[in-house]
Amino acid sequence: MTKPGPKYDLEERLINYSLRIIDVVELLPDTMVGNHLGRQLLRSGTSPALNYGEAQGAESRKDFTHKLKVITKELRESSINLRILERKMLLKDSGIVSETRELTAIFVASLKTTQRNSQGSDVV
């Protein structure tokens, strides 16, 4: 008998993503640009984990869908911010750009599935 593979835990992945974002922000220079982009990235980059927690407790399918939209929006914002930092050569963790894209793709697909399945139903 074989053991099942490691459990895929999106919540844990989002928490780890937030920790990486925090590390990126803490390594930014103490300049106008570093501070401005850093503060914005800290908000948008940690938001997906927090909103995912809220989505798990959604009171309706509409509420759940809204949280998925917020997560997707924040990931897209983070992606652009990270690409700006990368082009300014201020980003030390270049792998976080691809992780942001992967997470965005996961939530875009989840959002499409949720919207497709929600036609006529308001139960999560």
PDB file of N, CA and C in Angstrom:
ATOM      1  N   MET A   1       0.847  -1.193   0.000  1.00  0.00           N
ATOM      2  CA  MET A   1       0.000   0.000   0.000  1.00  0.00           C
ATOM      3  C   MET A   1       0.882   1.243   0.000  1.00  0.00           C
ATOM      4  N   THR A   2       0.584   2.200  -0.909  1.00  0.00           N
ATOM      5  CA  THR A   2       1.386   3.427  -0.990  1.00  0.00           C
ATOM      6  C   THR A   2       0.698   4.541  -0.232  1.00  0.00           C
ATOM      7  N   LYS A   3       1.519   5.393   0.342  1.00  0.00           N
ATOM      8  CA  LYS A   3       0.989   6.558   1.057  1.00  0.00           C
ATOM      9  C   LYS A   3       0.609   7.631   0.058  1.00  0.00           C
ATOM     10  N   PRO A   4      -0.465   8.365   0.338  1.00  0.00           N
ATOM     11  CA  PRO A   4      -0.814   9.472  -0.556  1.00  0.00           C
ATOM     12  C   PRO A   4       0.265  10.549  -0.473  1.00  0.00           C
ATOM     13  N   GLY A   5       0.387  11.342  -1.544  1.00  0.00           N
ATOM     14  CA  GLY A   5       1.370  12.426  -1.581  1.00  0.00           C
ATOM     15  C   GLY A   5       1.036  13.506  -0.568  1.00  0.00           C
ATOM     16  N   PRO A   6       1.916  14.492  -0.451  1.00  0.00           N
ATOM     17  CA  PRO A   6       1.670  15.564   0.514  1.00  0.00           C
ATOM     18  C   PRO A   6       0.380  16.302   0.181  1.00  0.00           C
ATOM     19  N   LYS A   7      -0.335  16.658   1.199  1.00  0.00           N
ATOM     20  CA  LYS A   7      -1.599  17.364   1.010  1.00  0.00           C
ATOM     21  C   LYS A   7      -1.323  18.767   0.466  1.00  0.00           C
ATOM     22  N   TYR A   8      -2.033  19.116  -0.582  1.00  0.00           N
ATOM     23  CA  TYR A   8      -1.918  20.442  -1.162  1.00  0.00           C
ATOM     24  C   TYR A   8      -2.715  21.393  -0.286  1.00  0.00           C
ATOM     25  N   ASP A   9      -2.044  22.354   0.322  1.00  0.00           N
ATOM     26  CA  ASP A   9      -2.699  23.259   1.252  1.00  0.00           C
ATOM     27  C   ASP A   9      -2.537  24.693   0.767  1.00  0.00           C
ATOM     28  N   LEU A  10      -3.563  25.207   0.117  1.00  0.00           N
ATOM     29  CA  LEU A  10      -3.521  26.551  -0.448  1.00  0.00           C
ATOM     30  C   LEU A  10      -3.363  27.611   0.640  1.00  0.00           C
ATOM     31  N   GLU A  11      -4.004  27.403   1.775  1.00  0.00           N
ATOM     32  CA  GLU A  11      -3.869  28.362   2.873  1.00  0.00           C
ATOM     33  C   GLU A  11      -2.406  28.480   3.316  1.00  0.00           C
ATOM     34  N   GLU A  12      -1.746  27.353   3.462  1.00  0.00           N
ATOM     35  CA  GLU A  12      -0.334  27.354   3.868  1.00  0.00           C
ATOM     36  C   GLU A  12       0.536  28.012   2.790  1.00  0.00           C
ATOM     37  N   ARG A  13       0.213  27.756   1.549  1.00  0.00           N
ATOM     38  CA  ARG A  13       0.962  28.370   0.450  1.00  0.00           C
ATOM     39  C   ARG A  13       0.809  29.886   0.475  1.00  0.00           C
ATOM     40  N   LEU A  14      -0.393  30.366   0.756  1.00  0.00           N
ATOM     41  CA  LEU A  14      -0.631  31.806   0.834  1.00  0.00           C
ATOM     42  C   LEU A  14       0.077  32.435   2.035  1.00  0.00           C
ATOM     43  N   ILE A  15       0.125  31.720   3.140  1.00  0.00           N
ATOM     44  CA  ILE A  15       0.852  32.216   4.312  1.00  0.00           C
ATOM     45  C   ILE A  15       2.339  32.317   3.978  1.00  0.00           C
ATOM     46  N   ASN A  16       2.890  31.293   3.349  1.00  0.00           N
ATOM     47  CA  ASN A  16       4.301  31.326   2.947  1.00  0.00           C
ATOM     48  C   ASN A  16       4.572  32.444   1.948  1.00  0.00           C
ATOM     49  N   TYR A  17       3.619  32.683   1.059  1.00  0.00           N
ATOM     50  CA  TYR A  17       3.734  33.790   0.107  1.00  0.00           C
ATOM     51  C   TYR A  17       3.800  35.119   0.861  1.00  0.00           C
ATOM     52  N   SER A  18       2.935  35.282   1.837  1.00  0.00           N
ATOM     53  CA  SER A  18       2.942  36.511   2.648  1.00  0.00           C
ATOM     54  C   SER A  18       4.281  36.705   3.346  1.00  0.00           C
ATOM     55  N   LEU A  19       4.844  35.625   3.859  1.00  0.00           N
ATOM     56  CA  LEU A  19       6.146  35.707   4.528  1.00  0.00           C
ATOM     57  C   LEU A  19       7.249  36.125   3.550  1.00  0.00           C
ATOM     58  N   ARG A  20       7.164  35.618   2.339  1.00  0.00           N
ATOM     59  CA  ARG A  20       8.144  36.012   1.317  1.00  0.00           C
ATOM     60  C   ARG A  20       7.989  37.481   0.957  1.00  0.00           C
ATOM     61  N   ILE A  21       6.733  37.944   0.871  1.00  0.00           N
ATOM     62  CA  ILE A  21       6.471  39.355   0.585  1.00  0.00           C
ATOM     63  C   ILE A  21       7.076  40.223   1.688  1.00  0.00           C
ATOM     64  N   ILE A  22       6.864  39.823   2.937  1.00  0.00           N
ATOM     65  CA  ILE A  22       7.428  40.566   4.067  1.00  0.00           C
ATOM     66  C   ILE A  22       8.945  40.637   3.947  1.00  0.00           C
ATOM     67  N   ASP A  23       9.576  39.518   3.590  1.00  0.00           N
ATOM     68  CA  ASP A  23      11.030  39.507   3.411  1.00  0.00           C
ATOM     69  C   ASP A  23      11.464  40.463   2.305  1.00  0.00           C
ATOM     70  N   VAL A  24      10.733  40.473   1.195  1.00  0.00           N
ATOM     71  CA  VAL A  24      11.050  41.377   0.079  1.00  0.00           C
ATOM     72  C   VAL A  24      10.987  42.819   0.563  1.00  0.00           C
ATOM     73  N   VAL A  25       9.908  43.156   1.249  1.00  0.00           N
ATOM     74  CA  VAL A  25       9.712  44.537   1.714  1.00  0.00           C
ATOM     75  C   VAL A  25      10.800  44.933   2.702  1.00  0.00           C
ATOM     76  N   GLU A  26      11.155  44.038   3.596  1.00  0.00           N
ATOM     77  CA  GLU A  26      12.179  44.363   4.594  1.00  0.00           C
ATOM     78  C   GLU A  26      13.559  44.577   3.972  1.00  0.00           C
ATOM     79  N   LEU A  27      13.788  44.053   2.774  1.00  0.00           N
ATOM     80  CA  LEU A  27      15.073  44.220   2.098  1.00  0.00           C
ATOM     81  C   LEU A  27      15.124  45.432   1.168  1.00  0.00           C
ATOM     82  N   LEU A  28      13.997  46.122   1.006  1.00  0.00           N
ATOM     83  CA  LEU A  28      13.980  47.292   0.133  1.00  0.00           C
ATOM     84  C   LEU A  28      14.759  48.438   0.779  1.00  0.00           C
ATOM     85  N   PRO A  29      15.367  49.284  -0.048  1.00  0.00           N
ATOM     86  CA  PRO A  29      16.120  50.407   0.508  1.00  0.00           C
ATOM     87  C   PRO A  29      15.197  51.430   1.177  1.00  0.00           C
ATOM     88  N   ASP A  30      15.748  52.142   2.130  1.00  0.00           N
ATOM     89  CA  ASP A  30      14.999  53.185   2.831  1.00  0.00           C
ATOM     90  C   ASP A  30      15.055  54.471   2.009  1.00  0.00           C
ATOM     91  N   THR A  31      14.356  54.431   0.863  1.00  0.00           N
ATOM     92  CA  THR A  31      14.281  55.573  -0.046  1.00  0.00           C
ATOM     93  C   THR A  31      12.809  55.865  -0.294  1.00  0.00           C
ATOM     94  N   MET A  32      12.539  56.980  -0.980  1.00  0.00           N
ATOM     95  CA  MET A  32      11.155  57.300  -1.305  1.00  0.00           C
ATOM     96  C   MET A  32      10.505  56.174  -2.108  1.00  0.00           C
ATOM     97  N   VAL A  33      11.204  55.674  -3.102  1.00  0.00           N
ATOM     98  CA  VAL A  33      10.684  54.594  -3.951  1.00  0.00           C
ATOM     99  C   VAL A  33      10.511  53.310  -3.144  1.00  0.00           C
ATOM    100  N   GLY A  34      11.547  52.925  -2.406  1.00  0.00           N
ATOM    101  CA  GLY A  34      11.483  51.708  -1.599  1.00  0.00           C
ATOM    102  C   GLY A  34      10.358  51.742  -0.589  1.00  0.00           C
ATOM    103  N   ASN A  35      10.189  52.884   0.059  1.00  0.00           N
ATOM    104  CA  ASN A  35       9.132  53.013   1.065  1.00  0.00           C
ATOM    105  C   ASN A  35       7.740  53.011   0.443  1.00  0.00           C
ATOM    106  N   HIS A  36       7.592  53.732  -0.657  1.00  0.00           N
ATOM    107  CA  HIS A  36       6.282  53.812  -1.321  1.00  0.00           C
ATOM    108  C   HIS A  36       5.843  52.442  -1.847  1.00  0.00           C
ATOM    109  N   LEU A  37       6.707  51.822  -2.647  1.00  0.00           N
ATOM    110  CA  LEU A  37       6.356  50.520  -3.213  1.00  0.00           C
ATOM    111  C   LEU A  37       6.292  49.448  -2.129  1.00  0.00           C
ATOM    112  N   GLY A  38       7.152  49.559  -1.142  1.00  0.00           N
ATOM    113  CA  GLY A  38       7.160  48.590  -0.045  1.00  0.00           C
ATOM    114  C   GLY A  38       5.871  48.581   0.748  1.00  0.00           C
ATOM    115  N   ARG A  39       5.390  49.759   1.108  1.00  0.00           N
ATOM    116  CA  ARG A  39       4.128  49.829   1.869  1.00  0.00           C
ATOM    117  C   ARG A  39       2.968  49.244   1.063  1.00  0.00           C
ATOM    118  N   GLN A  40       2.925  49.609  -0.218  1.00  0.00           N
ATOM    119  CA  GLN A  40       1.847  49.111  -1.073  1.00  0.00           C
ATOM    120  C   GLN A  40       1.949  47.602  -1.254  1.00  0.00           C
ATOM    121  N   LEU A  41       3.162  47.101  -1.454  1.00  0.00           N
ATOM    122  CA  LEU A  41       3.358  45.662  -1.625  1.00  0.00           C
ATOM    123  C   LEU A  41       3.026  44.901  -0.348  1.00  0.00           C
ATOM    124  N   LEU A  42       3.355  45.475   0.782  1.00  0.00           N
ATOM    125  CA  LEU A  42       3.035  44.830   2.052  1.00  0.00           C
ATOM    126  C   LEU A  42       1.525  44.639   2.192  1.00  0.00           C
ATOM    127  N   ARG A  43       0.757  45.655   1.799  1.00  0.00           N
ATOM    128  CA  ARG A  43      -0.708  45.546   1.876  1.00  0.00           C
ATOM    129  C   ARG A  43      -1.250  44.534   0.870  1.00  0.00           C
ATOM    130  N   SER A  44      -0.875  44.713  -0.407  1.00  0.00           N
ATOM    131  CA  SER A  44      -1.449  43.839  -1.435  1.00  0.00           C
ATOM    132  C   SER A  44      -0.901  42.411  -1.360  1.00  0.00           C
ATOM    133  N   GLY A  45       0.325  42.246  -0.923  1.00  0.00           N
ATOM    134  CA  GLY A  45       0.947  40.932  -0.896  1.00  0.00           C
ATOM    135  C   GLY A  45       0.567  40.056   0.284  1.00  0.00           C
ATOM    136  N   THR A  46       0.119  40.676   1.366  1.00  0.00           N
ATOM    137  CA  THR A  46      -0.336  39.881   2.511  1.00  0.00           C
ATOM    138  C   THR A  46      -1.854  39.718   2.514  1.00  0.00           C
ATOM    139  N   SER A  47      -2.534  40.525   1.754  1.00  0.00           N
ATOM    140  CA  SER A  47      -3.992  40.476   1.676  1.00  0.00           C
ATOM    141  C   SER A  47      -4.557  39.131   1.200  1.00  0.00           C
ATOM    142  N   PRO A  48      -3.964  38.462   0.200  1.00  0.00           N
ATOM    143  CA  PRO A  48      -4.551  37.202  -0.261  1.00  0.00           C
ATOM    144  C   PRO A  48      -4.702  36.153   0.840  1.00  0.00           C
ATOM    145  N   ALA A  49      -3.723  35.996   1.696  1.00  0.00           N
ATOM    146  CA  ALA A  49      -3.824  35.007   2.783  1.00  0.00           C
ATOM    147  C   ALA A  49      -4.955  35.368   3.737  1.00  0.00           C
ATOM    148  N   LEU A  50      -5.043  36.643   4.064  1.00  0.00           N
ATOM    149  CA  LEU A  50      -6.076  37.081   5.000  1.00  0.00           C
ATOM    150  C   LEU A  50      -7.468  36.951   4.402  1.00  0.00           C
ATOM    151  N   ASN A  51      -7.605  37.327   3.147  1.00  0.00           N
ATOM    152  CA  ASN A  51      -8.909  37.207   2.490  1.00  0.00           C
ATOM    153  C   ASN A  51      -9.290  35.757   2.221  1.00  0.00           C
ATOM    154  N   TYR A  52      -8.303  34.898   2.035  1.00  0.00           N
ATOM    155  CA  TYR A  52      -8.591  33.475   1.863  1.00  0.00           C
ATOM    156  C   TYR A  52      -9.218  32.927   3.146  1.00  0.00           C
ATOM    157  N   GLY A  53      -8.685  33.360   4.277  1.00  0.00           N
ATOM    158  CA  GLY A  53      -9.287  32.968   5.562  1.00  0.00           C
ATOM    159  C   GLY A  53     -10.727  33.435   5.662  1.00  0.00           C
ATOM    160  N   GLU A  54     -10.987  34.652   5.217  1.00  0.00           N
ATOM    161  CA  GLU A  54     -12.361  35.166   5.225  1.00  0.00           C
ATOM    162  C   GLU A  54     -13.246  34.383   4.259  1.00  0.00           C
ATOM    163  N   ALA A  55     -12.699  34.013   3.117  1.00  0.00           N
ATOM    164  CA  ALA A  55     -13.477  33.264   2.127  1.00  0.00           C
ATOM    165  C   ALA A  55     -13.914  31.912   2.682  1.00  0.00           C
ATOM    166  N   GLN A  56     -13.073  31.304   3.510  1.00  0.00           N
ATOM    167  CA  GLN A  56     -13.421  30.008   4.098  1.00  0.00           C
ATOM    168  C   GLN A  56     -14.638  30.108   5.007  1.00  0.00           C
ATOM    169  N   GLY A  57     -14.875  31.308   5.538  1.00  0.00           N
ATOM    170  CA  GLY A  57     -16.036  31.513   6.403  1.00  0.00           C
ATOM    171  C   GLY A  57     -17.150  32.299   5.724  1.00  0.00           C
ATOM    172  N   ALA A  58     -17.144  32.312   4.391  1.00  0.00           N
ATOM    173  CA  ALA A  58     -18.138  33.083   3.648  1.00  0.00           C
ATOM    174  C   ALA A  58     -19.553  32.657   4.017  1.00  0.00           C
ATOM    175  N   GLU A  59     -20.428  33.623   4.081  1.00  0.00           N
ATOM    176  CA  GLU A  59     -21.817  33.367   4.470  1.00  0.00           C
ATOM    177  C   GLU A  59     -22.712  33.011   3.290  1.00  0.00           C
ATOM    178  N   SER A  60     -22.216  33.235   2.086  1.00  0.00           N
ATOM    179  CA  SER A  60     -22.992  32.910   0.889  1.00  0.00           C
ATOM    180  C   SER A  60     -22.026  32.701  -0.268  1.00  0.00           C
ATOM    181  N   ARG A  61     -22.539  32.149  -1.348  1.00  0.00           N
ATOM    182  CA  ARG A  61     -21.710  31.976  -2.541  1.00  0.00           C
ATOM    183  C   ARG A  61     -21.291  33.341  -3.084  1.00  0.00           C
ATOM    184  N   LYS A  62     -22.184  34.321  -2.997  1.00  0.00           N
ATOM    185  CA  LYS A  62     -21.866  35.671  -3.465  1.00  0.00           C
ATOM    186  C   LYS A  62     -20.710  36.255  -2.647  1.00  0.00           C
ATOM    187  N   ASP A  63     -20.734  36.070  -1.343  1.00  0.00           N
ATOM    188  CA  ASP A  63     -19.667  36.545  -0.456  1.00  0.00           C
ATOM    189  C   ASP A  63     -18.357  35.826  -0.788  1.00  0.00           C
ATOM    190  N   PHE A  64     -18.424  34.517  -1.003  1.00  0.00           N
ATOM    191  CA  PHE A  64     -17.250  33.718  -1.353  1.00  0.00           C
ATOM    192  C   PHE A  64     -16.643  34.212  -2.673  1.00  0.00           C
ATOM    193  N   THR A  65     -17.491  34.433  -3.659  1.00  0.00           N
ATOM    194  CA  THR A  65     -17.045  34.919  -4.965  1.00  0.00           C
ATOM    195  C   THR A  65     -16.384  36.286  -4.828  1.00  0.00           C
ATOM    196  N   HIS A  66     -16.969  37.146  -4.024  1.00  0.00           N
ATOM    197  CA  HIS A  66     -16.397  38.477  -3.799  1.00  0.00           C
ATOM    198  C   HIS A  66     -14.986  38.365  -3.210  1.00  0.00           C
ATOM    199  N   LYS A  67     -14.804  37.494  -2.233  1.00  0.00           N
ATOM    200  CA  LYS A  67     -13.479  37.311  -1.613  1.00  0.00           C
ATOM    201  C   LYS A  67     -12.468  36.798  -2.636  1.00  0.00           C
ATOM    202  N   LEU A  68     -12.882  35.887  -3.513  1.00  0.00           N
ATOM    203  CA  LEU A  68     -11.990  35.389  -4.554  1.00  0.00           C
ATOM    204  C   LEU A  68     -11.591  36.521  -5.503  1.00  0.00           C
ATOM    205  N   LYS A  69     -12.535  37.413  -5.794  1.00  0.00           N
ATOM    206  CA  LYS A  69     -12.232  38.562  -6.653  1.00  0.00           C
ATOM    207  C   LYS A  69     -11.227  39.487  -5.987  1.00  0.00           C
ATOM    208  N   VAL A  70     -11.382  39.714  -4.691  1.00  0.00           N
ATOM    209  CA  VAL A  70     -10.443  40.565  -3.949  1.00  0.00           C
ATOM    210  C   VAL A  70      -9.050  39.937  -3.958  1.00  0.00           C
ATOM    211  N   ILE A  71      -8.986  38.634  -3.711  1.00  0.00           N
ATOM    212  CA  ILE A  71      -7.693  37.936  -3.715  1.00  0.00           C
ATOM    213  C   ILE A  71      -7.019  38.085  -5.076  1.00  0.00           C
ATOM    214  N   THR A  72      -7.762  37.874  -6.137  1.00  0.00           N
ATOM    215  CA  THR A  72      -7.228  37.981  -7.493  1.00  0.00           C
ATOM    216  C   THR A  72      -6.732  39.400  -7.775  1.00  0.00           C
ATOM    217  N   LYS A  73      -7.511  40.385  -7.382  1.00  0.00           N
ATOM    218  CA  LYS A  73      -7.135  41.786  -7.581  1.00  0.00           C
ATOM    219  C   LYS A  73      -5.836  42.116  -6.850  1.00  0.00           C
ATOM    220  N   GLU A  74      -5.718  41.669  -5.622  1.00  0.00           N
ATOM    221  CA  GLU A  74      -4.525  41.951  -4.817  1.00  0.00           C
ATOM    222  C   GLU A  74      -3.296  41.240  -5.384  1.00  0.00           C
ATOM    223  N   LEU A  75      -3.473  40.031  -5.878  1.00  0.00           N
ATOM    224  CA  LEU A  75      -2.351  39.313  -6.495  1.00  0.00           C
ATOM    225  C   LEU A  75      -1.887  40.011  -7.772  1.00  0.00           C
ATOM    226  N   ARG A  76      -2.825  40.506  -8.560  1.00  0.00           N
ATOM    227  CA  ARG A  76      -2.448  41.231  -9.787  1.00  0.00           C
ATOM    228  C   ARG A  76      -1.699  42.515  -9.445  1.00  0.00           C
ATOM    229  N   GLU A  77      -2.167  43.211  -8.423  1.00  0.00           N
ATOM    230  CA  GLU A  77      -1.480  44.426  -7.981  1.00  0.00           C
ATOM    231  C   GLU A  77      -0.064  44.097  -7.504  1.00  0.00           C
ATOM    232  N   SER A  78       0.055  43.040  -6.733  1.00  0.00           N
ATOM    233  CA  SER A  78       1.373  42.617  -6.244  1.00  0.00           C
ATOM    234  C   SER A  78       2.296  42.251  -7.401  1.00  0.00           C
ATOM    235  N   SER A  79       1.755  41.592  -8.404  1.00  0.00           N
ATOM    236  CA  SER A  79       2.537  41.187  -9.565  1.00  0.00           C
ATOM    237  C   SER A  79       3.154  42.398 -10.266  1.00  0.00           C
ATOM    238  N   ILE A  80       2.362  43.427 -10.474  1.00  0.00           N
ATOM    239  CA  ILE A  80       2.867  44.630 -11.132  1.00  0.00           C
ATOM    240  C   ILE A  80       3.919  45.308 -10.265  1.00  0.00           C
ATOM    241  N   ASN A  81       3.655  45.407  -8.979  1.00  0.00           N
ATOM    242  CA  ASN A  81       4.604  46.017  -8.050  1.00  0.00           C
ATOM    243  C   ASN A  81       5.936  45.264  -8.088  1.00  0.00           C
ATOM    244  N   LEU A  82       5.877  43.948  -8.035  1.00  0.00           N
ATOM    245  CA  LEU A  82       7.092  43.130  -8.045  1.00  0.00           C
ATOM    246  C   LEU A  82       7.860  43.291  -9.357  1.00  0.00           C
ATOM    247  N   ARG A  83       7.142  43.405 -10.452  1.00  0.00           N
ATOM    248  CA  ARG A  83       7.802  43.587 -11.746  1.00  0.00           C
ATOM    249  C   ARG A  83       8.490  44.949 -11.822  1.00  0.00           C
ATOM    250  N   ILE A  84       7.878  45.959 -11.218  1.00  0.00           N
ATOM    251  CA  ILE A  84       8.521  47.284 -11.146  1.00  0.00           C
ATOM    252  C   ILE A  84       9.806  47.171 -10.326  1.00  0.00           C
ATOM    253  N   LEU A  85       9.709  46.531  -9.163  1.00  0.00           N
ATOM    254  CA  LEU A  85      10.890  46.360  -8.315  1.00  0.00           C
ATOM    255  C   LEU A  85      11.984  45.563  -9.027  1.00  0.00           C
ATOM    256  N   GLU A  86      11.552  44.553  -9.775  1.00  0.00           N
ATOM    257  CA  GLU A  86      12.506  43.726 -10.511  1.00  0.00           C
ATOM    258  C   GLU A  86      13.238  44.557 -11.562  1.00  0.00           C
ATOM    259  N   ARG A  87      12.496  45.376 -12.298  1.00  0.00           N
ATOM    260  CA  ARG A  87      13.107  46.200 -13.344  1.00  0.00           C
ATOM    261  C   ARG A  87      14.004  47.293 -12.767  1.00  0.00           C
ATOM    262  N   LYS A  88      13.701  47.733 -11.546  1.00  0.00           N
ATOM    263  CA  LYS A  88      14.556  48.713 -10.861  1.00  0.00           C
ATOM    264  C   LYS A  88      15.729  48.024 -10.155  1.00  0.00           C
ATOM    265  N   MET A  89      15.801  46.710 -10.305  1.00  0.00           N
ATOM    266  CA  MET A  89      16.846  45.882  -9.687  1.00  0.00           C
ATOM    267  C   MET A  89      16.832  45.999  -8.161  1.00  0.00           C
ATOM    268  N   LEU A  90      15.641  46.090  -7.600  1.00  0.00           N
ATOM    269  CA  LEU A  90      15.466  46.165  -6.149  1.00  0.00           C
ATOM    270  C   LEU A  90      14.923  44.868  -5.572  1.00  0.00           C
ATOM    271  N   LEU A  91      14.622  43.906  -6.441  1.00  0.00           N
ATOM    272  CA  LEU A  91      14.014  42.655  -5.994  1.00  0.00           C
ATOM    273  C   LEU A  91      15.075  41.575  -5.879  1.00  0.00           C
ATOM    274  N   LYS A  92      15.251  41.056  -4.663  1.00  0.00           N
ATOM    275  CA  LYS A  92      16.259  40.016  -4.413  1.00  0.00           C
ATOM    276  C   LYS A  92      15.691  38.611  -4.656  1.00  0.00           C
ATOM    277  N   ASP A  93      14.381  38.428  -4.467  1.00  0.00           N
ATOM    278  CA  ASP A  93      13.713  37.129  -4.609  1.00  0.00           C
ATOM    279  C   ASP A  93      12.958  37.096  -5.933  1.00  0.00           C
ATOM    280  N   SER A  94      13.676  36.787  -7.012  1.00  0.00           N
ATOM    281  CA  SER A  94      13.049  36.820  -8.337  1.00  0.00           C
ATOM    282  C   SER A  94      12.005  35.714  -8.514  1.00  0.00           C
ATOM    283  N   GLY A  95      12.079  34.645  -7.736  1.00  0.00           N
ATOM    284  CA  GLY A  95      11.108  33.560  -7.835  1.00  0.00           C
ATOM    285  C   GLY A  95       9.713  33.942  -7.372  1.00  0.00           C
ATOM    286  N   ILE A  96       9.610  35.013  -6.636  1.00  0.00           N
ATOM    287  CA  ILE A  96       8.297  35.416  -6.132  1.00  0.00           C
ATOM    288  C   ILE A  96       7.394  35.937  -7.246  1.00  0.00           C
ATOM    289  N   VAL A  97       7.996  36.409  -8.335  1.00  0.00           N
ATOM    290  CA  VAL A  97       7.196  36.870  -9.476  1.00  0.00           C
ATOM    291  C   VAL A  97       6.449  35.690 -10.081  1.00  0.00           C
ATOM    292  N   SER A  98       7.123  34.564 -10.275  1.00  0.00           N
ATOM    293  CA  SER A  98       6.442  33.392 -10.838  1.00  0.00           C
ATOM    294  C   SER A  98       5.440  32.800  -9.846  1.00  0.00           C
ATOM    295  N   GLU A  99       5.745  32.836  -8.561  1.00  0.00           N
ATOM    296  CA  GLU A  99       4.786  32.358  -7.550  1.00  0.00           C
ATOM    297  C   GLU A  99       3.522  33.210  -7.578  1.00  0.00           C
ATOM    298  N   THR A 100       3.684  34.510  -7.762  1.00  0.00           N
ATOM    299  CA  THR A 100       2.524  35.406  -7.853  1.00  0.00           C
ATOM    300  C   THR A 100       1.677  35.049  -9.064  1.00  0.00           C
ATOM    301  N   ARG A 101       2.319  34.772 -10.174  1.00  0.00           N
ATOM    302  CA  ARG A 101       1.583  34.386 -11.390  1.00  0.00           C
ATOM    303  C   ARG A 101       0.843  33.068 -11.188  1.00  0.00           C
ATOM    304  N   GLU A 102       1.506  32.104 -10.548  1.00  0.00           N
ATOM    305  CA  GLU A 102       0.863  30.808 -10.304  1.00  0.00           C
ATOM    306  C   GLU A 102      -0.357  30.967  -9.391  1.00  0.00           C
ATOM    307  N   LEU A 103      -0.197  31.723  -8.323  1.00  0.00           N
ATOM    308  CA  LEU A 103      -1.324  31.939  -7.405  1.00  0.00           C
ATOM    309  C   LEU A 103      -2.465  32.672  -8.110  1.00  0.00           C
ATOM    310  N   THR A 104      -2.125  33.656  -8.926  1.00  0.00           N
ATOM    311  CA  THR A 104      -3.159  34.379  -9.676  1.00  0.00           C
ATOM    312  C   THR A 104      -3.920  33.409 -10.573  1.00  0.00           C
ATOM    313  N   ALA A 105      -3.208  32.544 -11.268  1.00  0.00           N
ATOM    314  CA  ALA A 105      -3.848  31.571 -12.161  1.00  0.00           C
ATOM    315  C   ALA A 105      -4.769  30.629 -11.384  1.00  0.00           C
ATOM    316  N   ILE A 106      -4.348  30.213 -10.205  1.00  0.00           N
ATOM    317  CA  ILE A 106      -5.174  29.340  -9.361  1.00  0.00           C
ATOM    318  C   ILE A 106      -6.482  30.041  -9.006  1.00  0.00           C
ATOM    319  N   PHE A 107      -6.391  31.303  -8.597  1.00  0.00           N
ATOM    320  CA  PHE A 107      -7.601  32.010  -8.172  1.00  0.00           C
ATOM    321  C   PHE A 107      -8.473  32.441  -9.338  1.00  0.00           C
ATOM    322  N   VAL A 108      -7.892  32.728 -10.479  1.00  0.00           N
ATOM    323  CA  VAL A 108      -8.701  33.024 -11.669  1.00  0.00           C
ATOM    324  C   VAL A 108      -9.506  31.776 -12.040  1.00  0.00           C
ATOM    325  N   ALA A 109      -8.865  30.613 -12.019  1.00  0.00           N
ATOM    326  CA  ALA A 109      -9.563  29.361 -12.336  1.00  0.00           C
ATOM    327  C   ALA A 109     -10.639  29.059 -11.301  1.00  0.00           C
ATOM    328  N   SER A 110     -10.330  29.278 -10.028  1.00  0.00           N
ATOM    329  CA  SER A 110     -11.313  29.047  -8.964  1.00  0.00           C
ATOM    330  C   SER A 110     -12.505  29.975  -9.112  1.00  0.00           C
ATOM    331  N   LEU A 111     -12.225  31.208  -9.456  1.00  0.00           N
ATOM    332  CA  LEU A 111     -13.292  32.194  -9.642  1.00  0.00           C
ATOM    333  C   LEU A 111     -14.198  31.792 -10.800  1.00  0.00           C
ATOM    334  N   LYS A 112     -13.617  31.355 -11.894  1.00  0.00           N
ATOM    335  CA  LYS A 112     -14.413  30.913 -13.046  1.00  0.00           C
ATOM    336  C   LYS A 112     -15.286  29.716 -12.671  1.00  0.00           C
ATOM    337  N   THR A 113     -14.705  28.766 -11.950  1.00  0.00           N
ATOM    338  CA  THR A 113     -15.462  27.584 -11.527  1.00  0.00           C
ATOM    339  C   THR A 113     -16.587  27.974 -10.588  1.00  0.00           C
ATOM    340  N   THR A 114     -16.300  28.829  -9.644  1.00  0.00           N
ATOM    341  CA  THR A 114     -17.312  29.271  -8.678  1.00  0.00           C
ATOM    342  C   THR A 114     -18.444  30.004  -9.374  1.00  0.00           C
ATOM    343  N   GLN A 115     -18.105  30.882 -10.303  1.00  0.00           N
ATOM    344  CA  GLN A 115     -19.135  31.625 -11.024  1.00  0.00           C
ATOM    345  C   GLN A 115     -19.975  30.701 -11.903  1.00  0.00           C
ATOM    346  N   ARG A 116     -19.337  29.724 -12.522  1.00  0.00           N
ATOM    347  CA  ARG A 116     -20.058  28.776 -13.370  1.00  0.00           C
ATOM    348  C   ARG A 116     -21.010  27.917 -12.525  1.00  0.00           C
ATOM    349  N   ASN A 117     -20.545  27.501 -11.336  1.00  0.00           N
ATOM    350  CA  ASN A 117     -21.350  26.636 -10.474  1.00  0.00           C
ATOM    351  C   ASN A 117     -22.398  27.386  -9.673  1.00  0.00           C
ATOM    352  N   SER A 118     -22.291  28.708  -9.612  1.00  0.00           N
ATOM    353  CA  SER A 118     -23.189  29.467  -8.749  1.00  0.00           C
ATOM    354  C   SER A 118     -24.489  29.891  -9.414  1.00  0.00           C
ATOM    355  N   GLN A 119     -24.634  29.617 -10.677  1.00  0.00           N
ATOM    356  CA  GLN A 119     -25.851  30.035 -11.372  1.00  0.00           C
ATOM    357  C   GLN A 119     -27.062  29.330 -10.769  1.00  0.00           C
ATOM    358  N   GLY A 120     -27.859  30.134 -10.063  1.00  0.00           N
ATOM    359  CA  GLY A 120     -29.076  29.611  -9.459  1.00  0.00           C
ATOM    360  C   GLY A 120     -28.900  29.092  -8.040  1.00  0.00           C
ATOM    361  N   SER A 121     -27.705  29.167  -7.480  1.00  0.00           N
ATOM    362  CA  SER A 121     -27.478  28.653  -6.123  1.00  0.00           C
ATOM    363  C   SER A 121     -26.810  29.693  -5.258  1.00  0.00           C
ATOM    364  N   ASP A 122     -27.204  29.771  -3.989  1.00  0.00           N
ATOM    365  CA  ASP A 122     -26.595  30.697  -3.058  1.00  0.00           C
ATOM    366  C   ASP A 122     -26.081  29.968  -1.837  1.00  0.00           C
ATOM    367  N   VAL A 123     -25.694  28.715  -2.004  1.00  0.00           N
ATOM    368  CA  VAL A 123     -25.178  27.928  -0.885  1.00  0.00           C
ATOM    369  C   VAL A 123     -23.720  27.602  -1.172  1.00  0.00           C
ATOM    370  N   VAL A 124     -22.835  27.824  -0.185  1.00  0.00           N
ATOM    371  CA  VAL A 124     -21.411  27.526  -0.350  1.00  0.00           C
ATOM    372  C   VAL A 124     -21.164  26.082   0.004  1.00  0.00           C
TER     373      VAL A 124
END
